[in-house]
């Protein structure tokens, strides 16, 4: 599922709490942060592009 949350939210704990409220147990096996503030994973560089020529367009 996708979750938009504020600073200080413990997503792993939220998953455990949801499972508990459903009368079960649970934990996360994978979590991916897609954005923080103005930074979005869609704008991230791949490892192959992290060299001087790859980052030059992003340097102010």
N, C-alpha and C. Protein backbone atom coordinates (compact mmCIF):
# COMPACT_ATOMS: atom_id res chain seq x y z
N UNK A 1 0.83 -1.17 0.00
CA UNK A 1 0.00 0.00 0.00
C UNK A 1 0.88 1.23 0.00
N UNK A 2 0.32 2.36 -0.36
CA UNK A 2 1.04 3.63 -0.35
C UNK A 2 0.58 4.42 0.85
N UNK A 3 1.51 5.11 1.48
CA UNK A 3 1.21 5.87 2.67
C UNK A 3 1.85 7.24 2.57
N UNK A 4 1.06 8.27 2.75
CA UNK A 4 1.60 9.62 2.85
C UNK A 4 1.51 9.99 4.32
N UNK A 5 2.64 10.26 4.92
CA UNK A 5 2.64 10.50 6.36
C UNK A 5 3.53 11.69 6.70
N UNK A 6 3.36 12.15 7.91
CA UNK A 6 4.16 13.28 8.36
C UNK A 6 5.42 12.78 9.05
N UNK A 7 6.28 13.68 9.27
CA UNK A 7 7.54 13.43 9.95
C UNK A 7 7.29 12.77 11.31
N UNK A 8 8.09 11.78 11.62
CA UNK A 8 7.97 11.11 12.91
C UNK A 8 7.06 9.90 12.91
N UNK A 9 6.48 9.56 11.75
CA UNK A 9 5.62 8.38 11.67
C UNK A 9 6.49 7.14 11.55
N UNK A 10 6.22 6.16 12.38
CA UNK A 10 6.96 4.90 12.35
C UNK A 10 6.17 3.90 11.52
N UNK A 11 6.51 3.79 10.24
CA UNK A 11 5.75 2.97 9.31
C UNK A 11 5.82 1.49 9.70
N UNK A 12 6.97 1.02 10.13
CA UNK A 12 7.08 -0.39 10.54
C UNK A 12 6.13 -0.68 11.71
N UNK A 13 6.06 0.24 12.64
CA UNK A 13 5.16 0.06 13.78
C UNK A 13 3.71 0.13 13.33
N UNK A 14 3.42 1.00 12.38
CA UNK A 14 2.06 1.11 11.85
C UNK A 14 1.60 -0.23 11.27
N UNK A 15 2.47 -0.90 10.54
CA UNK A 15 2.12 -2.21 9.97
C UNK A 15 1.83 -3.22 11.07
N UNK A 16 2.63 -3.22 12.11
CA UNK A 16 2.38 -4.13 13.24
C UNK A 16 1.06 -3.79 13.92
N UNK A 17 0.77 -2.51 14.09
CA UNK A 17 -0.47 -2.08 14.74
C UNK A 17 -1.70 -2.49 13.93
N UNK A 18 -1.62 -2.35 12.61
CA UNK A 18 -2.74 -2.75 11.74
C UNK A 18 -2.99 -4.24 11.88
N UNK A 19 -1.93 -5.03 11.84
CA UNK A 19 -2.08 -6.49 12.00
C UNK A 19 -2.68 -6.83 13.35
N UNK A 20 -2.21 -6.19 14.40
CA UNK A 20 -2.74 -6.45 15.75
C UNK A 20 -4.22 -6.12 15.81
N UNK A 21 -4.62 -4.97 15.23
CA UNK A 21 -6.03 -4.58 15.25
C UNK A 21 -6.91 -5.54 14.46
N UNK A 22 -6.31 -6.26 13.52
CA UNK A 22 -7.04 -7.27 12.75
C UNK A 22 -7.00 -8.63 13.43
N UNK A 23 -6.39 -8.67 14.62
CA UNK A 23 -6.33 -9.92 15.37
C UNK A 23 -5.25 -10.86 14.87
N UNK A 24 -4.20 -10.30 14.31
CA UNK A 24 -3.15 -11.13 13.74
C UNK A 24 -1.79 -10.57 14.15
N UNK A 25 -0.76 -11.05 13.52
CA UNK A 25 0.58 -10.51 13.69
C UNK A 25 1.12 -10.15 12.31
N UNK A 26 2.06 -9.27 12.27
CA UNK A 26 2.62 -8.89 10.98
C UNK A 26 3.89 -8.08 11.13
N UNK A 27 4.59 -8.02 10.04
CA UNK A 27 5.79 -7.19 9.98
C UNK A 27 6.06 -6.84 8.52
N UNK A 28 6.88 -5.85 8.30
CA UNK A 28 7.24 -5.48 6.94
C UNK A 28 8.45 -6.27 6.48
N UNK A 29 8.41 -6.70 5.24
CA UNK A 29 9.58 -7.34 4.65
C UNK A 29 10.30 -6.40 3.70
N UNK A 30 9.61 -5.34 3.29
CA UNK A 30 10.22 -4.37 2.38
C UNK A 30 9.54 -3.03 2.58
N UNK A 31 10.31 -1.98 2.54
CA UNK A 31 9.78 -0.63 2.62
C UNK A 31 10.61 0.24 1.69
N UNK A 32 9.94 1.12 0.97
CA UNK A 32 10.64 1.99 0.04
C UNK A 32 10.12 3.41 0.20
N UNK A 33 11.03 4.33 0.47
CA UNK A 33 10.66 5.74 0.59
C UNK A 33 10.69 6.34 -0.81
N UNK A 34 9.56 6.84 -1.27
CA UNK A 34 9.46 7.36 -2.63
C UNK A 34 9.77 8.84 -2.72
N UNK A 35 9.56 9.56 -1.62
CA UNK A 35 9.87 10.99 -1.64
C UNK A 35 10.06 11.50 -0.23
N UNK A 36 10.83 12.58 -0.16
CA UNK A 36 11.02 13.33 1.08
C UNK A 36 11.05 14.79 0.69
N UNK A 37 10.04 15.53 1.14
CA UNK A 37 9.99 16.94 0.77
C UNK A 37 9.93 17.08 -0.74
N UNK A 38 10.83 17.88 -1.29
CA UNK A 38 10.85 18.12 -2.73
C UNK A 38 11.61 17.04 -3.50
N UNK A 39 12.25 16.12 -2.81
CA UNK A 39 13.04 15.07 -3.46
C UNK A 39 12.17 13.85 -3.74
N UNK A 40 12.24 13.35 -4.97
CA UNK A 40 11.43 12.22 -5.39
C UNK A 40 12.33 11.17 -6.02
N UNK A 41 12.04 9.92 -5.77
CA UNK A 41 12.86 8.84 -6.31
C UNK A 41 12.85 8.83 -7.84
N UNK A 42 11.80 9.36 -8.45
CA UNK A 42 11.74 9.43 -9.92
C UNK A 42 12.85 10.31 -10.48
N UNK A 43 13.36 11.23 -9.67
CA UNK A 43 14.42 12.14 -10.11
C UNK A 43 15.82 11.65 -9.74
N UNK A 44 15.91 10.48 -9.12
CA UNK A 44 17.20 9.96 -8.67
C UNK A 44 18.06 9.50 -9.84
N UNK A 45 19.36 9.61 -9.66
CA UNK A 45 20.31 9.10 -10.66
C UNK A 45 20.60 7.64 -10.38
N UNK A 46 20.82 6.87 -11.43
CA UNK A 46 21.24 5.49 -11.24
C UNK A 46 22.72 5.47 -10.87
N UNK A 47 23.17 4.38 -10.30
CA UNK A 47 24.58 4.27 -9.92
C UNK A 47 25.50 4.47 -11.12
N UNK A 48 25.05 4.04 -12.29
CA UNK A 48 25.86 4.19 -13.50
C UNK A 48 26.07 5.66 -13.87
N UNK A 49 25.15 6.54 -13.45
CA UNK A 49 25.24 7.95 -13.81
C UNK A 49 25.88 8.82 -12.73
N UNK A 50 26.36 8.20 -11.67
CA UNK A 50 26.98 8.99 -10.62
C UNK A 50 28.47 9.11 -10.91
N UNK A 51 28.77 10.04 -11.77
CA UNK A 51 30.14 10.45 -12.04
C UNK A 51 30.05 11.93 -12.43
N UNK A 52 31.16 12.54 -12.70
CA UNK A 52 31.15 13.99 -12.93
C UNK A 52 30.24 14.38 -14.09
N UNK A 53 30.27 13.64 -15.18
CA UNK A 53 29.44 13.99 -16.33
C UNK A 53 27.95 13.75 -16.05
N UNK A 54 27.64 12.74 -15.24
CA UNK A 54 26.25 12.44 -14.94
C UNK A 54 25.60 13.43 -13.99
N UNK A 55 26.38 14.00 -13.07
CA UNK A 55 25.79 14.92 -12.09
C UNK A 55 25.94 16.38 -12.48
N UNK A 56 26.76 16.67 -13.49
CA UNK A 56 27.02 18.06 -13.88
C UNK A 56 25.73 18.87 -14.13
N UNK A 57 24.73 18.32 -14.82
CA UNK A 57 23.51 19.11 -15.06
C UNK A 57 22.75 19.50 -13.79
N UNK A 58 23.02 18.82 -12.68
CA UNK A 58 22.29 19.08 -11.44
C UNK A 58 23.03 20.00 -10.49
N UNK A 59 24.26 20.34 -10.81
CA UNK A 59 25.06 21.21 -9.94
C UNK A 59 24.74 22.65 -10.26
N UNK A 60 24.42 23.41 -9.23
CA UNK A 60 24.07 24.83 -9.41
C UNK A 60 25.30 25.67 -9.66
